[in-house]
N, C-alpha and C. Protein backbone atom coordinates (compact mmCIF):
# COMPACT_ATOMS: atom_id res chain seq x y z
N MET A 1 8.43 -23.02 -5.62
CA MET A 1 8.27 -21.95 -4.64
C MET A 1 7.02 -21.13 -4.93
N GLU A 2 6.20 -21.05 -3.94
CA GLU A 2 4.92 -20.36 -4.11
C GLU A 2 5.12 -18.88 -3.76
N HIS A 3 4.66 -18.01 -4.64
CA HIS A 3 4.73 -16.59 -4.40
C HIS A 3 3.48 -16.14 -3.64
N ARG A 4 3.77 -15.47 -2.54
CA ARG A 4 2.64 -14.88 -1.81
C ARG A 4 2.44 -13.42 -2.24
N LEU A 5 1.24 -13.11 -2.51
CA LEU A 5 0.95 -11.70 -2.83
C LEU A 5 0.89 -10.92 -1.56
N ARG A 6 1.60 -9.86 -1.54
CA ARG A 6 1.59 -9.01 -0.34
C ARG A 6 0.32 -8.21 -0.37
N PRO A 7 -0.25 -7.88 0.81
CA PRO A 7 -1.44 -7.06 0.85
C PRO A 7 -1.19 -5.73 0.11
N PRO A 8 -2.18 -5.17 -0.49
CA PRO A 8 -1.98 -3.95 -1.28
C PRO A 8 -1.29 -2.86 -0.51
N TYR A 9 -1.66 -2.65 0.74
CA TYR A 9 -1.03 -1.62 1.53
C TYR A 9 -0.91 -2.11 2.99
N THR A 10 0.27 -1.86 3.57
CA THR A 10 0.47 -2.27 4.91
C THR A 10 0.01 -1.15 5.84
N ALA A 11 -0.02 -1.45 7.14
CA ALA A 11 -0.43 -0.40 8.09
C ALA A 11 0.53 0.77 8.05
N TYR A 12 1.78 0.54 7.84
CA TYR A 12 2.79 1.59 7.76
C TYR A 12 2.47 2.48 6.55
N GLU A 13 2.11 1.92 5.42
CA GLU A 13 1.80 2.74 4.25
C GLU A 13 0.57 3.56 4.49
N LEU A 14 -0.41 3.01 5.19
CA LEU A 14 -1.63 3.78 5.50
C LEU A 14 -1.30 4.91 6.44
N LEU A 15 -0.36 4.71 7.36
CA LEU A 15 0.08 5.80 8.21
C LEU A 15 0.73 6.94 7.46
N LEU A 16 1.55 6.54 6.43
CA LEU A 16 2.18 7.53 5.58
C LEU A 16 1.14 8.34 4.84
N ILE A 17 0.07 7.67 4.40
CA ILE A 17 -1.01 8.40 3.73
C ILE A 17 -1.65 9.36 4.72
N ASP A 18 -1.86 8.93 5.94
CA ASP A 18 -2.40 9.84 6.96
C ASP A 18 -1.54 11.03 7.14
N ALA A 19 -0.20 10.84 7.24
CA ALA A 19 0.69 11.97 7.39
C ALA A 19 0.63 12.89 6.18
N ASP A 20 0.57 12.35 5.03
CA ASP A 20 0.49 13.13 3.80
C ASP A 20 -0.80 13.94 3.77
N LEU A 21 -1.89 13.32 4.22
CA LEU A 21 -3.17 14.04 4.20
C LEU A 21 -3.17 15.18 5.20
N VAL A 22 -2.54 14.97 6.38
CA VAL A 22 -2.43 16.07 7.36
C VAL A 22 -1.65 17.21 6.79
N HIS A 23 -0.56 16.90 6.14
CA HIS A 23 0.26 17.94 5.49
C HIS A 23 -0.57 18.69 4.42
N LEU A 24 -1.23 17.93 3.59
CA LEU A 24 -2.02 18.57 2.52
C LEU A 24 -3.18 19.40 3.08
N GLN A 25 -3.75 18.95 4.15
CA GLN A 25 -4.83 19.76 4.80
C GLN A 25 -4.29 21.07 5.30
N ARG A 26 -3.09 21.16 5.68
CA ARG A 26 -2.47 22.42 6.15
C ARG A 26 -2.07 23.30 5.02
N VAL A 27 -1.46 22.71 3.94
CA VAL A 27 -0.85 23.47 2.89
C VAL A 27 -1.82 23.90 1.79
N VAL A 28 -2.70 23.03 1.38
CA VAL A 28 -3.55 23.33 0.25
C VAL A 28 -4.41 24.53 0.47
N PRO A 29 -5.08 24.70 1.60
CA PRO A 29 -5.84 25.97 1.80
C PRO A 29 -4.98 27.24 1.72
N LEU A 30 -3.76 27.13 2.21
CA LEU A 30 -2.85 28.30 2.13
C LEU A 30 -2.50 28.61 0.70
N GLU A 31 -2.25 27.55 -0.09
CA GLU A 31 -1.94 27.72 -1.49
C GLU A 31 -3.13 28.27 -2.28
N VAL A 32 -4.30 27.79 -1.96
CA VAL A 32 -5.52 28.26 -2.61
C VAL A 32 -5.73 29.77 -2.31
N ALA A 33 -5.45 30.19 -1.09
CA ALA A 33 -5.70 31.60 -0.68
C ALA A 33 -4.57 32.48 -1.15
N ALA A 34 -3.41 31.94 -1.49
CA ALA A 34 -2.27 32.75 -1.85
C ALA A 34 -2.43 33.45 -3.20
N SER A 35 -2.01 34.66 -3.30
CA SER A 35 -2.06 35.36 -4.59
C SER A 35 -0.95 34.88 -5.48
N ASN A 36 0.12 34.38 -4.91
CA ASN A 36 1.24 33.87 -5.72
C ASN A 36 1.70 32.54 -5.09
N PRO A 37 0.98 31.46 -5.38
CA PRO A 37 1.25 30.16 -4.74
C PRO A 37 2.66 29.65 -5.06
N VAL A 38 3.20 28.88 -4.15
CA VAL A 38 4.54 28.29 -4.33
C VAL A 38 4.51 27.23 -5.45
N PHE A 39 3.51 26.39 -5.45
CA PHE A 39 3.37 25.32 -6.49
C PHE A 39 2.07 25.57 -7.20
N PRO A 40 2.02 25.13 -8.49
CA PRO A 40 0.83 25.24 -9.25
C PRO A 40 -0.25 24.26 -8.74
N PHE A 41 -1.47 24.53 -9.05
CA PHE A 41 -2.58 23.66 -8.55
C PHE A 41 -2.44 22.25 -9.15
N LEU A 42 -1.88 22.16 -10.34
CA LEU A 42 -1.71 20.86 -10.95
C LEU A 42 -0.86 19.95 -10.07
N TYR A 43 0.14 20.52 -9.40
CA TYR A 43 0.97 19.73 -8.50
C TYR A 43 0.17 19.17 -7.33
N TRP A 44 -0.67 20.01 -6.72
CA TRP A 44 -1.49 19.55 -5.59
C TRP A 44 -2.54 18.59 -6.06
N GLN A 45 -3.12 18.84 -7.24
CA GLN A 45 -4.13 17.96 -7.77
C GLN A 45 -3.56 16.56 -8.02
N ARG A 46 -2.35 16.48 -8.55
CA ARG A 46 -1.71 15.20 -8.77
C ARG A 46 -1.42 14.46 -7.47
N ARG A 47 -0.96 15.18 -6.46
CA ARG A 47 -0.67 14.55 -5.17
C ARG A 47 -1.93 13.95 -4.56
N VAL A 48 -2.99 14.71 -4.60
CA VAL A 48 -4.25 14.18 -4.04
C VAL A 48 -4.80 13.08 -4.86
N THR A 49 -4.73 13.19 -6.16
CA THR A 49 -5.21 12.13 -7.06
C THR A 49 -4.46 10.79 -6.81
N LEU A 50 -3.17 10.89 -6.58
CA LEU A 50 -2.41 9.66 -6.26
C LEU A 50 -2.91 9.00 -5.01
N ILE A 51 -3.26 9.78 -4.03
CA ILE A 51 -3.82 9.22 -2.81
C ILE A 51 -5.16 8.58 -3.11
N LEU A 52 -5.99 9.24 -3.86
CA LEU A 52 -7.31 8.72 -4.17
C LEU A 52 -7.26 7.44 -5.02
N GLU A 53 -6.18 7.24 -5.75
CA GLU A 53 -6.02 6.05 -6.52
C GLU A 53 -5.52 4.86 -5.70
N THR A 54 -5.16 5.13 -4.45
CA THR A 54 -4.73 4.09 -3.55
C THR A 54 -5.91 3.17 -3.19
N ARG A 55 -5.65 1.87 -3.28
CA ARG A 55 -6.74 0.94 -2.87
C ARG A 55 -6.72 0.82 -1.35
N HIS A 56 -7.86 0.51 -0.86
CA HIS A 56 -8.09 0.20 0.57
C HIS A 56 -7.86 1.40 1.46
N LEU A 57 -8.27 2.59 1.02
CA LEU A 57 -8.27 3.72 1.90
C LEU A 57 -9.36 3.57 2.92
N PHE A 58 -9.13 4.09 4.11
CA PHE A 58 -10.20 4.13 5.09
C PHE A 58 -11.19 5.20 4.68
N PRO A 59 -12.45 5.07 5.10
CA PRO A 59 -13.42 6.07 4.73
C PRO A 59 -13.03 7.51 5.10
N ALA A 60 -12.41 7.67 6.27
CA ALA A 60 -11.94 9.03 6.68
C ALA A 60 -10.90 9.57 5.73
N GLN A 61 -9.99 8.68 5.30
CA GLN A 61 -8.93 9.14 4.37
C GLN A 61 -9.53 9.48 3.03
N LEU A 62 -10.47 8.75 2.58
CA LEU A 62 -11.13 9.02 1.33
C LEU A 62 -11.94 10.34 1.42
N ALA A 63 -12.57 10.61 2.54
CA ALA A 63 -13.34 11.85 2.70
C ALA A 63 -12.38 13.08 2.67
N VAL A 64 -11.30 12.97 3.34
CA VAL A 64 -10.33 14.10 3.40
C VAL A 64 -9.74 14.36 2.07
N ALA A 65 -9.28 13.28 1.38
CA ALA A 65 -8.68 13.44 0.04
C ALA A 65 -9.73 14.01 -0.95
N SER A 66 -10.93 13.55 -0.87
CA SER A 66 -11.97 14.02 -1.80
C SER A 66 -12.28 15.50 -1.52
N ALA A 67 -12.33 15.87 -0.25
CA ALA A 67 -12.57 17.29 0.10
C ALA A 67 -11.41 18.17 -0.40
N LEU A 68 -10.20 17.70 -0.28
CA LEU A 68 -9.06 18.46 -0.77
C LEU A 68 -9.11 18.62 -2.30
N LEU A 69 -9.46 17.56 -2.98
CA LEU A 69 -9.57 17.66 -4.44
C LEU A 69 -10.69 18.58 -4.85
N ASP A 70 -11.78 18.55 -4.13
CA ASP A 70 -12.87 19.47 -4.43
C ASP A 70 -12.45 20.92 -4.22
N LEU A 71 -11.69 21.16 -3.17
CA LEU A 71 -11.16 22.52 -2.90
C LEU A 71 -10.26 22.97 -4.02
N ILE A 72 -9.38 22.13 -4.44
CA ILE A 72 -8.44 22.48 -5.53
C ILE A 72 -9.20 22.77 -6.81
N GLU A 73 -10.12 21.89 -7.15
CA GLU A 73 -10.85 22.02 -8.41
C GLU A 73 -11.82 23.17 -8.40
N SER A 74 -12.40 23.50 -7.24
CA SER A 74 -13.34 24.60 -7.15
C SER A 74 -12.68 25.97 -7.28
N THR A 75 -11.45 26.07 -6.90
CA THR A 75 -10.72 27.34 -6.97
C THR A 75 -9.73 27.41 -8.10
N ASN A 76 -9.66 26.32 -8.81
CA ASN A 76 -8.64 26.25 -9.86
C ASN A 76 -9.06 27.10 -11.09
N THR A 77 -8.15 27.94 -11.48
CA THR A 77 -8.33 28.74 -12.69
C THR A 77 -7.26 28.28 -13.67
N GLY A 78 -7.50 28.46 -14.95
CA GLY A 78 -6.59 28.01 -15.96
C GLY A 78 -5.15 28.57 -15.79
N ASP A 79 -5.07 29.86 -15.41
CA ASP A 79 -3.76 30.45 -15.27
C ASP A 79 -2.98 29.92 -14.00
N ARG A 80 -3.69 29.40 -13.05
CA ARG A 80 -3.03 28.89 -11.87
C ARG A 80 -2.84 27.38 -11.94
N LEU A 81 -3.40 26.75 -12.94
CA LEU A 81 -3.26 25.30 -13.10
C LEU A 81 -1.81 24.92 -13.41
N LEU A 82 -1.21 25.66 -14.31
CA LEU A 82 0.16 25.35 -14.72
C LEU A 82 1.18 26.10 -13.89
N ALA A 83 2.39 25.71 -14.03
CA ALA A 83 3.48 26.37 -13.29
C ALA A 83 3.58 27.84 -13.65
N LYS A 84 3.92 28.64 -12.68
CA LYS A 84 4.08 30.05 -12.97
C LYS A 84 5.28 30.33 -13.86
N ALA A 85 5.16 31.35 -14.62
CA ALA A 85 6.24 31.63 -15.63
C ALA A 85 7.40 32.38 -15.03
N SER A 86 7.30 32.93 -13.86
CA SER A 86 8.38 33.70 -13.30
C SER A 86 9.52 32.89 -12.79
């Protein structure tokens, strides 16, 4: 029996990435601007990094994810990187 390798990502998976990017585009700027964000920046950074590690992203997806990561990293301070202590 010959094993067929499945394509790295199906169209459905790429649509899920699109939906995730839309969500992140809405939430990350709010979290960056918040004085008391709901989640630490490390959480957002990991989510975006997982997307960037996906093979076969479309150029538009790559651009959005890269811009989000740049936003997170440019506003990231050490005290907001980790989870809040409260």
